[in-house]
Amino acid sequence: MAYDEYLGERISAIFKTKSVQAVEKKMMGGLCFMVDDKMCIGIVKNELMARVGPEVYEECLSKSGCREMNFTGRAMKGYVFVDAEAVDMDEDLSYWIQLAIDFNPFAKSSKKKKKKIS
């Protein structure tokens, strides 16, 4: 198991409760939830990855269990990792998901690469 599947089930249930349509995509060895074709929430091993945006980024980092997202040796501002203990309760998980949903309309979607026809 590359990521916490139970956490994935919990995230799916919360999106349904909030009536937000999310598409699950396996990527980066984990699971990502896309909203409007934009990365919103993800799971890497047993940690939650949330795209919260730059406006609330610093505030999020001050919360227990939250740290900067750093894949490449460089922090990705606007993205955070939240450890498993900090999202153990559904209320806490829902809080992080709602932050990501709130930022989603302002997030830039990744540019899709056009296939080269030879």
PDB file of N, CA and C in Angstrom:
ATOM      1  N   MET A   1       0.846  -1.194   0.000  1.00  0.00           N
ATOM      2  CA  MET A   1       0.000   0.000   0.000  1.00  0.00           C
ATOM      3  C   MET A   1       0.882   1.245   0.000  1.00  0.00           C
ATOM      4  N   ALA A   2       0.826   2.031  -1.064  1.00  0.00           N
ATOM      5  CA  ALA A   2       1.651   3.222  -1.193  1.00  0.00           C
ATOM      6  C   ALA A   2       1.058   4.408  -0.437  1.00  0.00           C
ATOM      7  N   TYR A   3      -0.239   4.358  -0.163  1.00  0.00           N
ATOM      8  CA  TYR A   3      -0.897   5.448   0.565  1.00  0.00           C
ATOM      9  C   TYR A   3      -1.995   4.857   1.439  1.00  0.00           C
ATOM     10  N   ASP A   4      -2.451   5.639   2.388  1.00  0.00           N
ATOM     11  CA  ASP A   4      -3.476   5.212   3.339  1.00  0.00           C
ATOM     12  C   ASP A   4      -4.839   5.171   2.631  1.00  0.00           C
ATOM     13  N   GLU A   5      -5.274   3.978   2.267  1.00  0.00           N
ATOM     14  CA  GLU A   5      -6.526   3.814   1.531  1.00  0.00           C
ATOM     15  C   GLU A   5      -7.746   4.198   2.368  1.00  0.00           C
ATOM     16  N   TYR A   6      -7.677   3.947   3.669  1.00  0.00           N
ATOM     17  CA  TYR A   6      -8.789   4.312   4.541  1.00  0.00           C
ATOM     18  C   TYR A   6      -8.952   5.835   4.569  1.00  0.00           C
ATOM     19  N   LEU A   7      -7.841   6.568   4.607  1.00  0.00           N
ATOM     20  CA  LEU A   7      -7.909   8.028   4.547  1.00  0.00           C
ATOM     21  C   LEU A   7      -8.561   8.458   3.234  1.00  0.00           C
ATOM     22  N   GLY A   8      -8.247   7.780   2.151  1.00  0.00           N
ATOM     23  CA  GLY A   8      -8.867   8.069   0.862  1.00  0.00           C
ATOM     24  C   GLY A   8     -10.377   7.892   0.903  1.00  0.00           C
ATOM     25  N   GLU A   9     -10.833   6.841   1.554  1.00  0.00           N
ATOM     26  CA  GLU A   9     -12.273   6.597   1.691  1.00  0.00           C
ATOM     27  C   GLU A   9     -12.939   7.707   2.515  1.00  0.00           C
ATOM     28  N   ARG A  10     -12.255   8.124   3.574  1.00  0.00           N
ATOM     29  CA  ARG A  10     -12.788   9.200   4.425  1.00  0.00           C
ATOM     30  C   ARG A  10     -12.883  10.509   3.641  1.00  0.00           C
ATOM     31  N   ILE A  11     -11.860  10.804   2.839  1.00  0.00           N
ATOM     32  CA  ILE A  11     -11.864  12.029   2.036  1.00  0.00           C
ATOM     33  C   ILE A  11     -13.014  11.984   1.028  1.00  0.00           C
ATOM     34  N   SER A  12     -13.174  10.859   0.349  1.00  0.00           N
ATOM     35  CA  SER A  12     -14.270  10.711  -0.624  1.00  0.00           C
ATOM     36  C   SER A  12     -15.621  10.961   0.031  1.00  0.00           C
ATOM     37  N   ALA A  13     -15.808  10.411   1.220  1.00  0.00           N
ATOM     38  CA  ALA A  13     -17.082  10.579   1.933  1.00  0.00           C
ATOM     39  C   ALA A  13     -17.327  12.045   2.286  1.00  0.00           C
ATOM     40  N   ILE A  14     -16.279  12.753   2.676  1.00  0.00           N
ATOM     41  CA  ILE A  14     -16.442  14.171   3.025  1.00  0.00           C
ATOM     42  C   ILE A  14     -16.770  15.000   1.787  1.00  0.00           C
ATOM     43  N   PHE A  15     -16.109  14.713   0.664  1.00  0.00           N
ATOM     44  CA  PHE A  15     -16.452  15.423  -0.573  1.00  0.00           C
ATOM     45  C   PHE A  15     -17.914  15.194  -0.918  1.00  0.00           C
ATOM     46  N   LYS A  16     -18.402  13.963  -0.765  1.00  0.00           N
ATOM     47  CA  LYS A  16     -19.808  13.665  -1.061  1.00  0.00           C
ATOM     48  C   LYS A  16     -20.732  14.434  -0.119  1.00  0.00           C
ATOM     49  N   THR A  17     -20.387  14.467   1.169  1.00  0.00           N
ATOM     50  CA  THR A  17     -21.186  15.192   2.154  1.00  0.00           C
ATOM     51  C   THR A  17     -21.266  16.670   1.803  1.00  0.00           C
ATOM     52  N   LYS A  18     -20.161  17.209   1.292  1.00  0.00           N
ATOM     53  CA  LYS A  18     -20.109  18.631   0.928  1.00  0.00           C
ATOM     54  C   LYS A  18     -20.648  18.880  -0.485  1.00  0.00           C
ATOM     55  N   SER A  19     -21.107  17.829  -1.158  1.00  0.00           N
ATOM     56  CA  SER A  19     -21.618  17.910  -2.534  1.00  0.00           C
ATOM     57  C   SER A  19     -20.607  18.537  -3.488  1.00  0.00           C
ATOM     58  N   VAL A  20     -19.345  18.136  -3.334  1.00  0.00           N
ATOM     59  CA  VAL A  20     -18.272  18.598  -4.211  1.00  0.00           C
ATOM     60  C   VAL A  20     -17.826  17.408  -5.045  1.00  0.00           C
ATOM     61  N   GLN A  21     -17.833  17.592  -6.349  1.00  0.00           N
ATOM     62  CA  GLN A  21     -17.422  16.514  -7.247  1.00  0.00           C
ATOM     63  C   GLN A  21     -15.901  16.508  -7.356  1.00  0.00           C
ATOM     64  N   ALA A  22     -15.302  15.407  -6.954  1.00  0.00           N
ATOM     65  CA  ALA A  22     -13.848  15.248  -7.006  1.00  0.00           C
ATOM     66  C   ALA A  22     -13.522  13.985  -7.789  1.00  0.00           C
ATOM     67  N   VAL A  23     -12.437  14.064  -8.548  1.00  0.00           N
ATOM     68  CA  VAL A  23     -11.979  12.928  -9.333  1.00  0.00           C
ATOM     69  C   VAL A  23     -10.690  12.422  -8.709  1.00  0.00           C
ATOM     70  N   GLU A  24     -10.632  11.134  -8.427  1.00  0.00           N
ATOM     71  CA  GLU A  24      -9.437  10.532  -7.837  1.00  0.00           C
ATOM     72  C   GLU A  24      -8.443  10.175  -8.937  1.00  0.00           C
ATOM     73  N   LYS A  25      -7.178  10.518  -8.697  1.00  0.00           N
ATOM     74  CA  LYS A  25      -6.103  10.181  -9.630  1.00  0.00           C
ATOM     75  C   LYS A  25      -4.916   9.678  -8.834  1.00  0.00           C
ATOM     76  N   LYS A  26      -4.388   8.548  -9.250  1.00  0.00           N
ATOM     77  CA  LYS A  26      -3.173   8.053  -8.615  1.00  0.00           C
ATOM     78  C   LYS A  26      -1.996   8.784  -9.242  1.00  0.00           C
ATOM     79  N   MET A  27      -1.180   9.396  -8.392  1.00  0.00           N
ATOM     80  CA  MET A  27       0.008  10.099  -8.878  1.00  0.00           C
ATOM     81  C   MET A  27       1.021  10.267  -7.760  1.00  0.00           C
ATOM     82  N   MET A  28       2.256  10.381  -8.140  1.00  0.00           N
ATOM     83  CA  MET A  28       3.369  10.593  -7.206  1.00  0.00           C
ATOM     84  C   MET A  28       3.402   9.531  -6.108  1.00  0.00           C
ATOM     85  N   GLY A  29       3.003   8.324  -6.430  1.00  0.00           N
ATOM     86  CA  GLY A  29       2.999   7.256  -5.439  1.00  0.00           C
ATOM     87  C   GLY A  29       1.881   7.375  -4.427  1.00  0.00           C
ATOM     88  N   GLY A  30       0.969   8.287  -4.655  1.00  0.00           N
ATOM     89  CA  GLY A  30      -0.136   8.492  -3.735  1.00  0.00           C
ATOM     90  C   GLY A  30      -1.439   8.640  -4.479  1.00  0.00           C
ATOM     91  N   LEU A  31      -2.372   9.318  -3.849  1.00  0.00           N
ATOM     92  CA  LEU A  31      -3.684   9.536  -4.430  1.00  0.00           C
ATOM     93  C   LEU A  31      -3.995  11.016  -4.361  1.00  0.00           C
ATOM     94  N   CYS A  32      -4.511  11.556  -5.455  1.00  0.00           N
ATOM     95  CA  CYS A  32      -4.847  12.969  -5.526  1.00  0.00           C
ATOM     96  C   CYS A  32      -6.326  13.112  -5.838  1.00  0.00           C
ATOM     97  N   PHE A  33      -6.958  14.090  -5.241  1.00  0.00           N
ATOM     98  CA  PHE A  33      -8.351  14.413  -5.515  1.00  0.00           C
ATOM     99  C   PHE A  33      -8.376  15.720  -6.278  1.00  0.00           C
ATOM    100  N   MET A  34      -8.871  15.639  -7.515  1.00  0.00           N
ATOM    101  CA  MET A  34      -8.936  16.799  -8.394  1.00  0.00           C
ATOM    102  C   MET A  34     -10.348  17.384  -8.347  1.00  0.00           C
ATOM    103  N   VAL A  35     -10.416  18.699  -8.220  1.00  0.00           N
ATOM    104  CA  VAL A  35     -11.690  19.406  -8.265  1.00  0.00           C
ATOM    105  C   VAL A  35     -11.571  20.426  -9.393  1.00  0.00           C
ATOM    106  N   ASP A  36     -12.474  20.379 -10.333  1.00  0.00           N
ATOM    107  CA  ASP A  36     -12.428  21.251 -11.518  1.00  0.00           C
ATOM    108  C   ASP A  36     -11.087  21.134 -12.246  1.00  0.00           C
ATOM    109  N   ASP A  37     -10.597  19.914 -12.382  1.00  0.00           N
ATOM    110  CA  ASP A  37      -9.324  19.619 -13.063  1.00  0.00           C
ATOM    111  C   ASP A  37      -8.106  20.260 -12.384  1.00  0.00           C
ATOM    112  N   LYS A  38      -8.235  20.559 -11.095  1.00  0.00           N
ATOM    113  CA  LYS A  38      -7.122  21.144 -10.347  1.00  0.00           C
ATOM    114  C   LYS A  38      -6.857  20.316  -9.094  1.00  0.00           C
ATOM    115  N   MET A  39      -5.568  20.140  -8.772  1.00  0.00           N
ATOM    116  CA  MET A  39      -5.199  19.394  -7.577  1.00  0.00           C
ATOM    117  C   MET A  39      -5.759  20.112  -6.350  1.00  0.00           C
ATOM    118  N   CYS A  40      -6.466  19.372  -5.510  1.00  0.00           N
ATOM    119  CA  CYS A  40      -7.110  19.958  -4.342  1.00  0.00           C
ATOM    120  C   CYS A  40      -6.549  19.346  -3.050  1.00  0.00           C
ATOM    121  N   ILE A  41      -6.679  18.043  -2.923  1.00  0.00           N
ATOM    122  CA  ILE A  41      -6.252  17.300  -1.733  1.00  0.00           C
ATOM    123  C   ILE A  41      -5.537  16.049  -2.226  1.00  0.00           C
ATOM    124  N   GLY A  42      -4.582  15.585  -1.447  1.00  0.00           N
ATOM    125  CA  GLY A  42      -3.913  14.352  -1.814  1.00  0.00           C
ATOM    126  C   GLY A  42      -3.472  13.571  -0.592  1.00  0.00           C
ATOM    127  N   ILE A  43      -3.027  12.362  -0.852  1.00  0.00           N
ATOM    128  CA  ILE A  43      -2.493  11.505   0.207  1.00  0.00           C
ATOM    129  C   ILE A  43      -1.126  11.020  -0.266  1.00  0.00           C
ATOM    130  N   VAL A  44      -0.130  11.216   0.566  1.00  0.00           N
ATOM    131  CA  VAL A  44       1.206  10.693   0.322  1.00  0.00           C
ATOM    132  C   VAL A  44       1.547   9.845   1.544  1.00  0.00           C
ATOM    133  N   LYS A  45       1.648   8.547   1.350  1.00  0.00           N
ATOM    134  CA  LYS A  45       1.812   7.567   2.433  1.00  0.00           C
ATOM    135  C   LYS A  45       0.632   7.699   3.377  1.00  0.00           C
ATOM    136  N   ASN A  46       0.856   8.212   4.588  1.00  0.00           N
ATOM    137  CA  ASN A  46      -0.272   8.368   5.516  1.00  0.00           C
ATOM    138  C   ASN A  46      -0.518   9.838   5.851  1.00  0.00           C
ATOM    139  N   GLU A  47       0.033  10.736   5.035  1.00  0.00           N
ATOM    140  CA  GLU A  47      -0.138  12.160   5.280  1.00  0.00           C
ATOM    141  C   GLU A  47      -1.089  12.783   4.266  1.00  0.00           C
ATOM    142  N   LEU A  48      -1.799  13.791   4.732  1.00  0.00           N
ATOM    143  CA  LEU A  48      -2.681  14.553   3.871  1.00  0.00           C
ATOM    144  C   LEU A  48      -1.879  15.674   3.225  1.00  0.00           C
ATOM    145  N   MET A  49      -2.083  15.885   1.945  1.00  0.00           N
ATOM    146  CA  MET A  49      -1.508  17.033   1.258  1.00  0.00           C
ATOM    147  C   MET A  49      -2.684  17.930   0.908  1.00  0.00           C
ATOM    148  N   ALA A  50      -2.608  19.195   1.300  1.00  0.00           N
ATOM    149  CA  ALA A  50      -3.705  20.120   1.026  1.00  0.00           C
ATOM    150  C   ALA A  50      -3.184  21.347   0.287  1.00  0.00           C
ATOM    151  N   ARG A  51      -3.897  21.731  -0.754  1.00  0.00           N
ATOM    152  CA  ARG A  51      -3.570  22.948  -1.504  1.00  0.00           C
ATOM    153  C   ARG A  51      -4.436  24.057  -0.918  1.00  0.00           C
ATOM    154  N   VAL A  52      -3.867  24.788   0.036  1.00  0.00           N
ATOM    155  CA  VAL A  52      -4.633  25.777   0.795  1.00  0.00           C
ATOM    156  C   VAL A  52      -4.486  27.196   0.268  1.00  0.00           C
ATOM    157  N   GLY A  53      -3.478  27.429  -0.570  1.00  0.00           N
ATOM    158  CA  GLY A  53      -3.260  28.755  -1.137  1.00  0.00           C
ATOM    159  C   GLY A  53      -2.346  29.610  -0.289  1.00  0.00           C
ATOM    160  N   PRO A  54      -1.771  30.638  -0.898  1.00  0.00           N
ATOM    161  CA  PRO A  54      -0.786  31.471  -0.210  1.00  0.00           C
ATOM    162  C   PRO A  54      -1.367  32.358   0.892  1.00  0.00           C
ATOM    163  N   GLU A  55      -2.657  32.688   0.808  1.00  0.00           N
ATOM    164  CA  GLU A  55      -3.244  33.601   1.798  1.00  0.00           C
ATOM    165  C   GLU A  55      -3.313  33.006   3.201  1.00  0.00           C
ATOM    166  N   VAL A  56      -3.577  31.712   3.311  1.00  0.00           N
ATOM    167  CA  VAL A  56      -3.706  31.076   4.629  1.00  0.00           C
ATOM    168  C   VAL A  56      -2.530  30.154   4.943  1.00  0.00           C
ATOM    169  N   TYR A  57      -1.555  30.117   4.055  1.00  0.00           N
ATOM    170  CA  TYR A  57      -0.400  29.216   4.177  1.00  0.00           C
ATOM    171  C   TYR A  57       0.310  29.356   5.529  1.00  0.00           C
ATOM    172  N   GLU A  58       0.721  30.560   5.885  1.00  0.00           N
ATOM    173  CA  GLU A  58       1.463  30.773   7.142  1.00  0.00           C
ATOM    174  C   GLU A  58       0.614  30.400   8.354  1.00  0.00           C
ATOM    175  N   GLU A  59      -0.659  30.753   8.328  1.00  0.00           N
ATOM    176  CA  GLU A  59      -1.565  30.411   9.427  1.00  0.00           C
ATOM    177  C   GLU A  59      -1.661  28.886   9.577  1.00  0.00           C
ATOM    178  N   CYS A  60      -1.733  28.191   8.460  1.00  0.00           N
ATOM    179  CA  CYS A  60      -1.811  26.732   8.484  1.00  0.00           C
ATOM    180  C   CYS A  60      -0.559  26.125   9.103  1.00  0.00           C
ATOM    181  N   LEU A  61       0.597  26.677   8.747  1.00  0.00           N
ATOM    182  CA  LEU A  61       1.857  26.134   9.270  1.00  0.00           C
ATOM    183  C   LEU A  61       1.954  26.249  10.786  1.00  0.00           C
ATOM    184  N   SER A  62       1.196  27.163  11.377  1.00  0.00           N
ATOM    185  CA  SER A  62       1.231  27.317  12.831  1.00  0.00           C
ATOM    186  C   SER A  62       0.359  26.280  13.545  1.00  0.00           C
ATOM    187  N   LYS A  63      -0.421  25.525  12.797  1.00  0.00           N
ATOM    188  CA  LYS A  63      -1.305  24.518  13.398  1.00  0.00           C
ATOM    189  C   LYS A  63      -0.541  23.216  13.664  1.00  0.00           C
ATOM    190  N   SER A  64      -0.921  22.575  14.734  1.00  0.00           N
ATOM    191  CA  SER A  64      -0.289  21.321  15.134  1.00  0.00           C
ATOM    192  C   SER A  64      -0.435  20.256  14.046  1.00  0.00           C
ATOM    193  N   GLY A  65       0.679  19.613  13.720  1.00  0.00           N
ATOM    194  CA  GLY A  65       0.662  18.530  12.746  1.00  0.00           C
ATOM    195  C   GLY A  65       0.818  18.978  11.311  1.00  0.00           C
ATOM    196  N   CYS A  66       0.931  20.273  11.072  1.00  0.00           N
ATOM    197  CA  CYS A  66       1.035  20.809   9.718  1.00  0.00           C
ATOM    198  C   CYS A  66       2.470  21.268   9.451  1.00  0.00           C
ATOM    199  N   ARG A  67       2.945  20.992   8.240  1.00  0.00           N
ATOM    200  CA  ARG A  67       4.283  21.452   7.843  1.00  0.00           C
ATOM    201  C   ARG A  67       4.279  21.770   6.359  1.00  0.00           C
ATOM    202  N   GLU A  68       5.316  22.471   5.928  1.00  0.00           N
ATOM    203  CA  GLU A  68       5.388  22.834   4.513  1.00  0.00           C
ATOM    204  C   GLU A  68       5.546  21.588   3.653  1.00  0.00           C
ATOM    205  N   MET A  69       5.011  21.670   2.467  1.00  0.00           N
ATOM    206  CA  MET A  69       5.160  20.575   1.513  1.00  0.00           C
ATOM    207  C   MET A  69       6.474  20.793   0.786  1.00  0.00           C
ATOM    208  N   ASN A  70       7.313  19.783   0.823  1.00  0.00           N
ATOM    209  CA  ASN A  70       8.645  19.908   0.259  1.00  0.00           C
ATOM    210  C   ASN A  70       9.013  18.594  -0.406  1.00  0.00           C
ATOM    211  N   PHE A  71       8.826  18.512  -1.707  1.00  0.00           N
ATOM    212  CA  PHE A  71       9.166  17.301  -2.463  1.00  0.00           C
ATOM    213  C   PHE A  71      10.580  17.352  -3.006  1.00  0.00           C
ATOM    214  N   THR A  72      10.979  18.513  -3.444  1.00  0.00           N
ATOM    215  CA  THR A  72      12.207  18.632  -4.228  1.00  0.00           C
ATOM    216  C   THR A  72      13.328  19.358  -3.507  1.00  0.00           C
ATOM    217  N   GLY A  73      13.191  19.587  -2.213  1.00  0.00           N
ATOM    218  CA  GLY A  73      14.185  20.359  -1.491  1.00  0.00           C
ATOM    219  C   GLY A  73      13.793  21.829  -1.434  1.00  0.00           C
ATOM    220  N   ARG A  74      12.670  22.146  -2.033  1.00  0.00           N
ATOM    221  CA  ARG A  74      12.169  23.519  -2.041  1.00  0.00           C
ATOM    222  C   ARG A  74      10.698  23.489  -1.628  1.00  0.00           C
ATOM    223  N   ALA A  75      10.339  24.347  -0.684  1.00  0.00           N
ATOM    224  CA  ALA A  75       8.955  24.388  -0.208  1.00  0.00           C
ATOM    225  C   ALA A  75       8.028  24.866  -1.316  1.00  0.00           C
ATOM    226  N   MET A  76       6.857  24.265  -1.375  1.00  0.00           N
ATOM    227  CA  MET A  76       5.849  24.681  -2.348  1.00  0.00           C
ATOM    228  C   MET A  76       4.818  25.524  -1.602  1.00  0.00           C
ATOM    229  N   LYS A  77       4.972  26.833  -1.698  1.00  0.00           N
ATOM    230  CA  LYS A  77       4.095  27.741  -0.958  1.00  0.00           C
ATOM    231  C   LYS A  77       2.647  27.541  -1.410  1.00  0.00           C
ATOM    232  N   GLY A  78       1.779  27.441  -0.431  1.00  0.00           N
ATOM    233  CA  GLY A  78       0.362  27.220  -0.714  1.00  0.00           C
ATOM    234  C   GLY A  78      -0.057  25.773  -0.566  1.00  0.00           C
ATOM    235  N   TYR A  79       0.927  24.877  -0.455  1.00  0.00           N
ATOM    236  CA  TYR A  79       0.670  23.451  -0.245  1.00  0.00           C
ATOM    237  C   TYR A  79       1.228  23.061   1.116  1.00  0.00           C
ATOM    238  N   VAL A  80       0.500  22.235   1.857  1.00  0.00           N
ATOM    239  CA  VAL A  80       0.968  21.767   3.158  1.00  0.00           C
ATOM    240  C   VAL A  80       0.759  20.263   3.295  1.00  0.00           C
ATOM    241  N   PHE A  81       1.571  19.676   4.159  1.00  0.00           N
ATOM    242  CA  PHE A  81       1.368  18.308   4.599  1.00  0.00           C
ATOM    243  C   PHE A  81       0.771  18.363   5.996  1.00  0.00           C
ATOM    244  N   VAL A  82      -0.179  17.488   6.263  1.00  0.00           N
ATOM    245  CA  VAL A  82      -0.794  17.385   7.585  1.00  0.00           C
ATOM    246  C   VAL A  82      -0.649  15.932   8.021  1.00  0.00           C
ATOM    247  N   ASP A  83      -0.035  15.726   9.195  1.00  0.00           N
ATOM    248  CA  ASP A  83       0.223  14.348   9.609  1.00  0.00           C
ATOM    249  C   ASP A  83      -1.054  13.630  10.027  1.00  0.00           C
ATOM    250  N   ALA A  84      -0.965  12.316  10.066  1.00  0.00           N
ATOM    251  CA  ALA A  84      -2.130  11.451  10.292  1.00  0.00           C
ATOM    252  C   ALA A  84      -2.850  11.764  11.600  1.00  0.00           C
ATOM    253  N   GLU A  85      -2.107  12.063  12.655  1.00  0.00           N
ATOM    254  CA  GLU A  85      -2.741  12.342  13.949  1.00  0.00           C
ATOM    255  C   GLU A  85      -3.584  13.614  13.899  1.00  0.00           C
ATOM    256  N   ALA A  86      -3.187  14.560  13.076  1.00  0.00           N
ATOM    257  CA  ALA A  86      -3.899  15.843  12.993  1.00  0.00           C
ATOM    258  C   ALA A  86      -5.194  15.742  12.181  1.00  0.00           C
ATOM    259  N   VAL A  87      -5.410  14.626  11.483  1.00  0.00           N
ATOM    260  CA  VAL A  87      -6.657  14.430  10.728  1.00  0.00           C
ATOM    261  C   VAL A  87      -7.362  13.142  11.165  1.00  0.00           C
ATOM    262  N   ASP A  88      -7.055  12.697  12.370  1.00  0.00           N
ATOM    263  CA  ASP A  88      -7.646  11.475  12.903  1.00  0.00           C
ATOM    264  C   ASP A  88      -9.157  11.619  13.089  1.00  0.00           C
ATOM    265  N   MET A  89      -9.582  12.795  13.487  1.00  0.00           N
ATOM    266  CA  MET A  89     -11.010  13.057  13.683  1.00  0.00           C
ATOM    267  C   MET A  89     -11.599  13.599  12.380  1.00  0.00           C
ATOM    268  N   ASP A  90     -12.806  13.152  12.033  1.00  0.00           N
ATOM    269  CA  ASP A  90     -13.446  13.599  10.795  1.00  0.00           C
ATOM    270  C   ASP A  90     -13.612  15.120  10.747  1.00  0.00           C
ATOM    271  N   GLU A  91     -13.867  15.729  11.891  1.00  0.00           N
ATOM    272  CA  GLU A  91     -14.022  17.192  11.963  1.00  0.00           C
ATOM    273  C   GLU A  91     -12.727  17.890  11.535  1.00  0.00           C
ATOM    274  N   ASP A  92     -11.590  17.360  11.965  1.00  0.00           N
ATOM    275  CA  ASP A  92     -10.296  17.945  11.596  1.00  0.00           C
ATOM    276  C   ASP A  92      -9.997  17.726  10.115  1.00  0.00           C
ATOM    277  N   LEU A  93     -10.266  16.538   9.629  1.00  0.00           N
ATOM    278  CA  LEU A  93     -10.060  16.248   8.208  1.00  0.00           C
ATOM    279  C   LEU A  93     -10.948  17.149   7.355  1.00  0.00           C
ATOM    280  N   SER A  94     -12.191  17.320   7.748  1.00  0.00           N
ATOM    281  CA  SER A  94     -13.122  18.172   7.026  1.00  0.00           C
ATOM    282  C   SER A  94     -12.632  19.620   6.987  1.00  0.00           C
ATOM    283  N   TYR A  95     -12.010  20.083   8.063  1.00  0.00           N
ATOM    284  CA  TYR A  95     -11.456  21.445   8.111  1.00  0.00           C
ATOM    285  C   TYR A  95     -10.426  21.646   7.003  1.00  0.00           C
ATOM    286  N   TRP A  96      -9.473  20.707   6.874  1.00  0.00           N
ATOM    287  CA  TRP A  96      -8.416  20.828   5.865  1.00  0.00           C
ATOM    288  C   TRP A  96      -8.982  20.717   4.456  1.00  0.00           C
ATOM    289  N   ILE A  97      -9.943  19.825   4.282  1.00  0.00           N
ATOM    290  CA  ILE A  97     -10.566  19.677   2.970  1.00  0.00           C
ATOM    291  C   ILE A  97     -11.297  20.963   2.594  1.00  0.00           C
ATOM    292  N   GLN A  98     -11.996  21.565   3.551  1.00  0.00           N
ATOM    293  CA  GLN A  98     -12.727  22.798   3.265  1.00  0.00           C
ATOM    294  C   GLN A  98     -11.775  23.930   2.886  1.00  0.00           C
ATOM    295  N   LEU A  99     -10.624  24.023   3.544  1.00  0.00           N
ATOM    296  CA  LEU A  99      -9.632  25.045   3.163  1.00  0.00           C
ATOM    297  C   LEU A  99      -9.219  24.867   1.703  1.00  0.00           C
ATOM    298  N   ALA A 100      -8.978  23.625   1.304  1.00  0.00           N
ATOM    299  CA  ALA A 100      -8.566  23.340  -0.073  1.00  0.00           C
ATOM    300  C   ALA A 100      -9.699  23.626  -1.059  1.00  0.00           C
ATOM    301  N   ILE A 101     -10.916  23.284  -0.693  1.00  0.00           N
ATOM    302  CA  ILE A 101     -12.073  23.566  -1.548  1.00  0.00           C
ATOM    303  C   ILE A 101     -12.247  25.078  -1.714  1.00  0.00           C
ATOM    304  N   ASP A 102     -12.078  25.817  -0.625  1.00  0.00           N
ATOM    305  CA  ASP A 102     -12.236  27.273  -0.673  1.00  0.00           C
ATOM    306  C   ASP A 102     -11.206  27.916  -1.598  1.00  0.00           C
ATOM    307  N   PHE A 103      -9.986  27.371  -1.629  1.00  0.00           N
ATOM    308  CA  PHE A 103      -8.948  27.934  -2.491  1.00  0.00           C
ATOM    309  C   PHE A 103      -9.100  27.502  -3.943  1.00  0.00           C
ATOM    310  N   ASN A 104      -9.726  26.368  -4.175  1.00  0.00           N
ATOM    311  CA  ASN A 104      -9.778  25.775  -5.512  1.00  0.00           C
ATOM    312  C   ASN A 104     -10.201  26.729  -6.637  1.00  0.00           C
ATOM    313  N   PRO A 105     -11.218  27.575  -6.461  1.00  0.00           N
ATOM    314  CA  PRO A 105     -11.600  28.466  -7.567  1.00  0.00           C
ATOM    315  C   PRO A 105     -10.479  29.437  -7.975  1.00  0.00           C
ATOM    316  N   PHE A 106      -9.537  29.712  -7.075  1.00  0.00           N
ATOM    317  CA  PHE A 106      -8.454  30.652  -7.349  1.00  0.00           C
ATOM    318  C   PHE A 106      -7.183  29.956  -7.835  1.00  0.00           C
ATOM    319  N   ALA A 107      -7.155  28.651  -7.721  1.00  0.00           N
ATOM    320  CA  ALA A 107      -5.960  27.876  -8.094  1.00  0.00           C
ATOM    321  C   ALA A 107      -5.828  27.809  -9.607  1.00  0.00           C
ATOM    322  N   LYS A 108      -4.584  27.807 -10.048  1.00  0.00           N
ATOM    323  CA  LYS A 108      -4.326  27.635 -11.476  1.00  0.00           C
ATOM    324  C   LYS A 108      -4.314  26.148 -11.780  1.00  0.00           C
ATOM    325  N   SER A 109      -4.914  25.791 -12.888  1.00  0.00           N
ATOM    326  CA  SER A 109      -4.860  24.377 -13.275  1.00  0.00           C
ATOM    327  C   SER A 109      -3.545  24.132 -13.990  1.00  0.00           C
ATOM    328  N   SER A 110      -3.059  22.914 -13.873  1.00  0.00           N
ATOM    329  CA  SER A 110      -1.811  22.589 -14.553  1.00  0.00           C
ATOM    330  C   SER A 110      -2.069  22.537 -16.046  1.00  0.00           C
ATOM    331  N   LYS A 111      -1.108  22.995 -16.784  1.00  0.00           N
ATOM    332  CA  LYS A 111      -1.250  23.006 -18.235  1.00  0.00           C
ATOM    333  C   LYS A 111      -1.087  21.600 -18.764  1.00  0.00           C
ATOM    334  N   LYS A 112      -2.027  21.191 -19.576  1.00  0.00           N
ATOM    335  CA  LYS A 112      -1.945  19.857 -20.168  1.00  0.00           C
ATOM    336  C   LYS A 112      -1.003  19.919 -21.347  1.00  0.00           C
ATOM    337  N   LYS A 113      -0.118  18.930 -21.407  1.00  0.00           N
ATOM    338  CA  LYS A 113       0.826  18.868 -22.502  1.00  0.00           C
ATOM    339  C   LYS A 113       0.137  18.377 -23.760  1.00  0.00           C
ATOM    340  N   LYS A 114       0.385  19.062 -24.835  1.00  0.00           N
ATOM    341  CA  LYS A 114      -0.190  18.633 -26.107  1.00  0.00           C
ATOM    342  C   LYS A 114       0.670  17.542 -26.684  1.00  0.00           C
ATOM    343  N   LYS A 115      -0.004  16.540 -27.212  1.00  0.00           N
ATOM    344  CA  LYS A 115       0.732  15.414 -27.812  1.00  0.00           C
ATOM    345  C   LYS A 115       1.262  15.848 -29.167  1.00  0.00           C
ATOM    346  N   LYS A 116       2.514  15.518 -29.357  1.00  0.00           N
ATOM    347  CA  LYS A 116       3.173  15.831 -30.617  1.00  0.00           C
ATOM    348  C   LYS A 116       2.784  14.790 -31.650  1.00  0.00           C
ATOM    349  N   ILE A 117       2.347  15.241 -32.793  1.00  0.00           N
ATOM    350  CA  ILE A 117       1.992  14.327 -33.865  1.00  0.00           C
ATOM    351  C   ILE A 117       3.149  14.325 -34.862  1.00  0.00           C
ATOM    352  N   SER A 118       3.680  13.156 -35.091  1.00  0.00           N
ATOM    353  CA  SER A 118       4.819  13.090 -36.026  1.00  0.00           C
ATOM    354  C   SER A 118       4.461  12.469 -37.329  1.00  0.00           C
TER     355      SER A 118
END
